[in-house]
C-alpha cells in the first residue's frame, strides 16, 4: 500500500486493512471485499480453492 499510495498515513492503511476484514482476526472470512483510497482499488479475495488474493489497481482507466 505504501508503494502504490504513499500519501496514505499509517492510520489510513490500517483502515484499509480493517475494511478488507484482515484486522484483529486469526481467520479471514471467505469472499471478496473491496475499498477505494485516493484512486486505488484494494481487493481481497479469499477462497478455500484459490487461497488468498490481494490486488491493488488504479481506478483511473486509460483508453488507448
N, C-alpha and C. Protein backbone atom coordinates (compact mmCIF):
# COMPACT_ATOMS: atom_id res chain seq x y z
N UNK A 1 0.82 -1.18 0.00
CA UNK A 1 0.00 0.00 0.00
C UNK A 1 0.86 1.25 0.00
N UNK A 2 1.90 1.25 0.78
CA UNK A 2 2.76 2.43 0.86
C UNK A 2 3.44 2.72 -0.48
N UNK A 3 3.70 1.69 -1.27
CA UNK A 3 4.34 1.89 -2.57
C UNK A 3 3.38 2.51 -3.57
N UNK A 4 2.15 1.99 -3.64
CA UNK A 4 1.18 2.48 -4.61
C UNK A 4 0.48 3.76 -4.17
N UNK A 5 0.40 3.98 -2.87
CA UNK A 5 -0.36 5.09 -2.34
C UNK A 5 0.42 5.72 -1.17
N UNK A 6 1.59 6.31 -1.45
CA UNK A 6 2.47 6.79 -0.38
C UNK A 6 1.87 7.91 0.47
N UNK A 7 0.86 8.59 -0.04
CA UNK A 7 0.26 9.67 0.74
C UNK A 7 -0.66 9.17 1.85
N UNK A 8 -0.99 7.87 1.85
CA UNK A 8 -1.81 7.32 2.94
C UNK A 8 -1.00 7.27 4.23
N UNK A 9 -1.59 7.75 5.29
CA UNK A 9 -0.93 7.67 6.59
C UNK A 9 -1.01 6.23 7.11
N UNK A 10 -0.26 5.95 8.13
CA UNK A 10 -0.30 4.63 8.75
C UNK A 10 -1.71 4.30 9.23
N UNK A 11 -2.40 5.26 9.82
CA UNK A 11 -3.77 5.04 10.28
C UNK A 11 -4.71 4.74 9.12
N UNK A 12 -4.52 5.42 7.99
CA UNK A 12 -5.37 5.16 6.82
C UNK A 12 -5.12 3.77 6.25
N UNK A 13 -3.86 3.32 6.27
CA UNK A 13 -3.56 1.96 5.80
C UNK A 13 -4.21 0.92 6.72
N UNK A 14 -4.21 1.19 8.00
CA UNK A 14 -4.88 0.29 8.96
C UNK A 14 -6.37 0.23 8.67
N UNK A 15 -6.98 1.37 8.33
CA UNK A 15 -8.40 1.39 8.00
C UNK A 15 -8.70 0.54 6.76
N UNK A 16 -7.83 0.61 5.75
CA UNK A 16 -8.00 -0.24 4.56
C UNK A 16 -7.95 -1.70 4.97
N UNK A 17 -6.99 -2.08 5.78
CA UNK A 17 -6.85 -3.45 6.25
C UNK A 17 -8.10 -3.89 7.01
N UNK A 18 -8.63 -3.02 7.85
CA UNK A 18 -9.86 -3.34 8.58
C UNK A 18 -11.04 -3.52 7.64
N UNK A 19 -11.17 -2.65 6.64
CA UNK A 19 -12.29 -2.74 5.71
C UNK A 19 -12.22 -4.01 4.86
N UNK A 20 -11.01 -4.52 4.66
CA UNK A 20 -10.86 -5.76 3.91
C UNK A 20 -11.05 -6.99 4.80
N UNK A 21 -11.26 -6.76 6.08
CA UNK A 21 -11.54 -7.86 7.00
C UNK A 21 -10.31 -8.57 7.54
N UNK A 22 -9.17 -7.89 7.55
CA UNK A 22 -7.92 -8.53 7.96
C UNK A 22 -7.44 -8.17 9.36
N UNK A 23 -8.09 -7.24 10.02
CA UNK A 23 -7.60 -6.78 11.32
C UNK A 23 -8.20 -7.59 12.46
N UNK A 24 -7.39 -7.85 13.47
CA UNK A 24 -7.85 -8.47 14.71
C UNK A 24 -8.54 -9.81 14.52
N UNK A 25 -8.09 -10.60 13.56
CA UNK A 25 -8.68 -11.92 13.34
C UNK A 25 -7.57 -12.94 13.14
N UNK A 26 -7.86 -14.16 13.54
CA UNK A 26 -6.92 -15.24 13.25
C UNK A 26 -7.36 -16.00 12.01
N UNK A 27 -8.63 -15.84 11.61
CA UNK A 27 -9.15 -16.47 10.40
C UNK A 27 -9.88 -15.42 9.58
N UNK A 28 -9.55 -15.37 8.29
CA UNK A 28 -10.18 -14.42 7.39
C UNK A 28 -11.38 -15.11 6.73
N UNK A 29 -12.51 -14.40 6.68
CA UNK A 29 -13.72 -14.96 6.08
C UNK A 29 -13.57 -15.13 4.58
N UNK A 30 -14.17 -16.19 4.03
CA UNK A 30 -14.21 -16.39 2.58
C UNK A 30 -15.05 -15.29 1.95
N UNK A 31 -14.71 -14.95 0.72
CA UNK A 31 -15.47 -13.95 -0.02
C UNK A 31 -14.57 -12.87 -0.58
N UNK A 32 -15.21 -11.86 -1.14
CA UNK A 32 -14.49 -10.76 -1.78
C UNK A 32 -14.89 -9.46 -1.12
N UNK A 33 -13.90 -8.66 -0.77
CA UNK A 33 -14.14 -7.34 -0.17
C UNK A 33 -13.25 -6.33 -0.88
N UNK A 34 -13.76 -5.12 -1.05
CA UNK A 34 -13.01 -4.07 -1.73
C UNK A 34 -13.21 -2.73 -1.03
N UNK A 35 -12.23 -1.85 -1.23
CA UNK A 35 -12.32 -0.48 -0.75
C UNK A 35 -11.44 0.39 -1.65
N UNK A 36 -11.77 1.67 -1.75
CA UNK A 36 -11.01 2.60 -2.60
C UNK A 36 -10.44 3.71 -1.74
N UNK A 37 -9.17 4.02 -1.97
CA UNK A 37 -8.50 5.15 -1.33
C UNK A 37 -7.65 5.88 -2.36
N UNK A 38 -7.86 7.18 -2.51
CA UNK A 38 -7.05 8.02 -3.40
C UNK A 38 -6.89 7.43 -4.80
N UNK A 39 -7.96 6.90 -5.35
CA UNK A 39 -7.92 6.36 -6.71
C UNK A 39 -7.35 4.97 -6.84
N UNK A 40 -7.08 4.30 -5.74
CA UNK A 40 -6.57 2.92 -5.76
C UNK A 40 -7.65 2.00 -5.20
N UNK A 41 -8.02 0.98 -5.98
CA UNK A 41 -8.98 -0.02 -5.56
C UNK A 41 -8.22 -1.19 -4.94
N UNK A 42 -8.47 -1.46 -3.67
CA UNK A 42 -7.86 -2.59 -2.96
C UNK A 42 -8.91 -3.68 -2.86
N UNK A 43 -8.55 -4.89 -3.28
CA UNK A 43 -9.48 -6.01 -3.25
C UNK A 43 -8.82 -7.20 -2.59
N UNK A 44 -9.57 -7.87 -1.73
CA UNK A 44 -9.11 -9.10 -1.09
C UNK A 44 -10.12 -10.18 -1.45
N UNK A 45 -9.64 -11.28 -2.03
CA UNK A 45 -10.46 -12.43 -2.35
C UNK A 45 -9.93 -13.61 -1.56
N UNK A 46 -10.79 -14.25 -0.80
CA UNK A 46 -10.40 -15.41 0.00
C UNK A 46 -11.30 -16.57 -0.40
N UNK A 47 -10.67 -17.69 -0.77
CA UNK A 47 -11.40 -18.86 -1.22
C UNK A 47 -10.68 -20.11 -0.74
N UNK A 48 -11.43 -21.12 -0.37
CA UNK A 48 -10.81 -22.38 0.05
C UNK A 48 -10.06 -23.03 -1.11
N UNK A 49 -10.54 -22.84 -2.33
CA UNK A 49 -9.89 -23.45 -3.51
C UNK A 49 -8.67 -22.66 -3.98
N UNK A 50 -8.77 -21.34 -3.96
CA UNK A 50 -7.72 -20.49 -4.51
C UNK A 50 -6.74 -20.02 -3.44
N UNK A 51 -7.23 -19.79 -2.25
CA UNK A 51 -6.41 -19.22 -1.18
C UNK A 51 -6.71 -17.75 -1.02
N UNK A 52 -5.67 -16.94 -0.89
CA UNK A 52 -5.83 -15.51 -0.68
C UNK A 52 -5.22 -14.75 -1.85
N UNK A 53 -6.00 -13.83 -2.41
CA UNK A 53 -5.52 -12.96 -3.47
C UNK A 53 -5.73 -11.52 -3.02
N UNK A 54 -4.66 -10.74 -3.00
CA UNK A 54 -4.75 -9.31 -2.69
C UNK A 54 -4.37 -8.56 -3.95
N UNK A 55 -5.20 -7.61 -4.34
CA UNK A 55 -4.97 -6.86 -5.56
C UNK A 55 -5.13 -5.36 -5.26
N UNK A 56 -4.27 -4.57 -5.89
CA UNK A 56 -4.39 -3.11 -5.81
C UNK A 56 -4.25 -2.58 -7.23
N UNK A 57 -5.23 -1.77 -7.65
CA UNK A 57 -5.19 -1.24 -9.02
C UNK A 57 -5.79 0.16 -9.06
N UNK A 58 -5.36 0.91 -10.04
CA UNK A 58 -5.86 2.25 -10.23
C UNK A 58 -7.30 2.22 -10.70
N UNK A 59 -8.09 3.16 -10.22
CA UNK A 59 -9.46 3.29 -10.72
C UNK A 59 -9.52 4.23 -11.91
N UNK A 60 -8.38 4.82 -12.26
CA UNK A 60 -8.30 5.72 -13.40
C UNK A 60 -7.92 4.91 -14.63
N UNK A 61 -8.93 4.45 -15.36
CA UNK A 61 -8.69 3.63 -16.56
C UNK A 61 -8.32 4.53 -17.73
N UNK A 62 -7.22 4.17 -18.39
CA UNK A 62 -6.78 4.91 -19.57
C UNK A 62 -7.26 4.19 -20.81
N UNK A 63 -7.77 4.92 -21.79
CA UNK A 63 -8.18 4.32 -23.06
C UNK A 63 -7.09 4.56 -24.08
N UNK A 64 -6.92 3.57 -24.95
CA UNK A 64 -5.87 3.70 -25.97
C UNK A 64 -6.46 3.84 -27.32
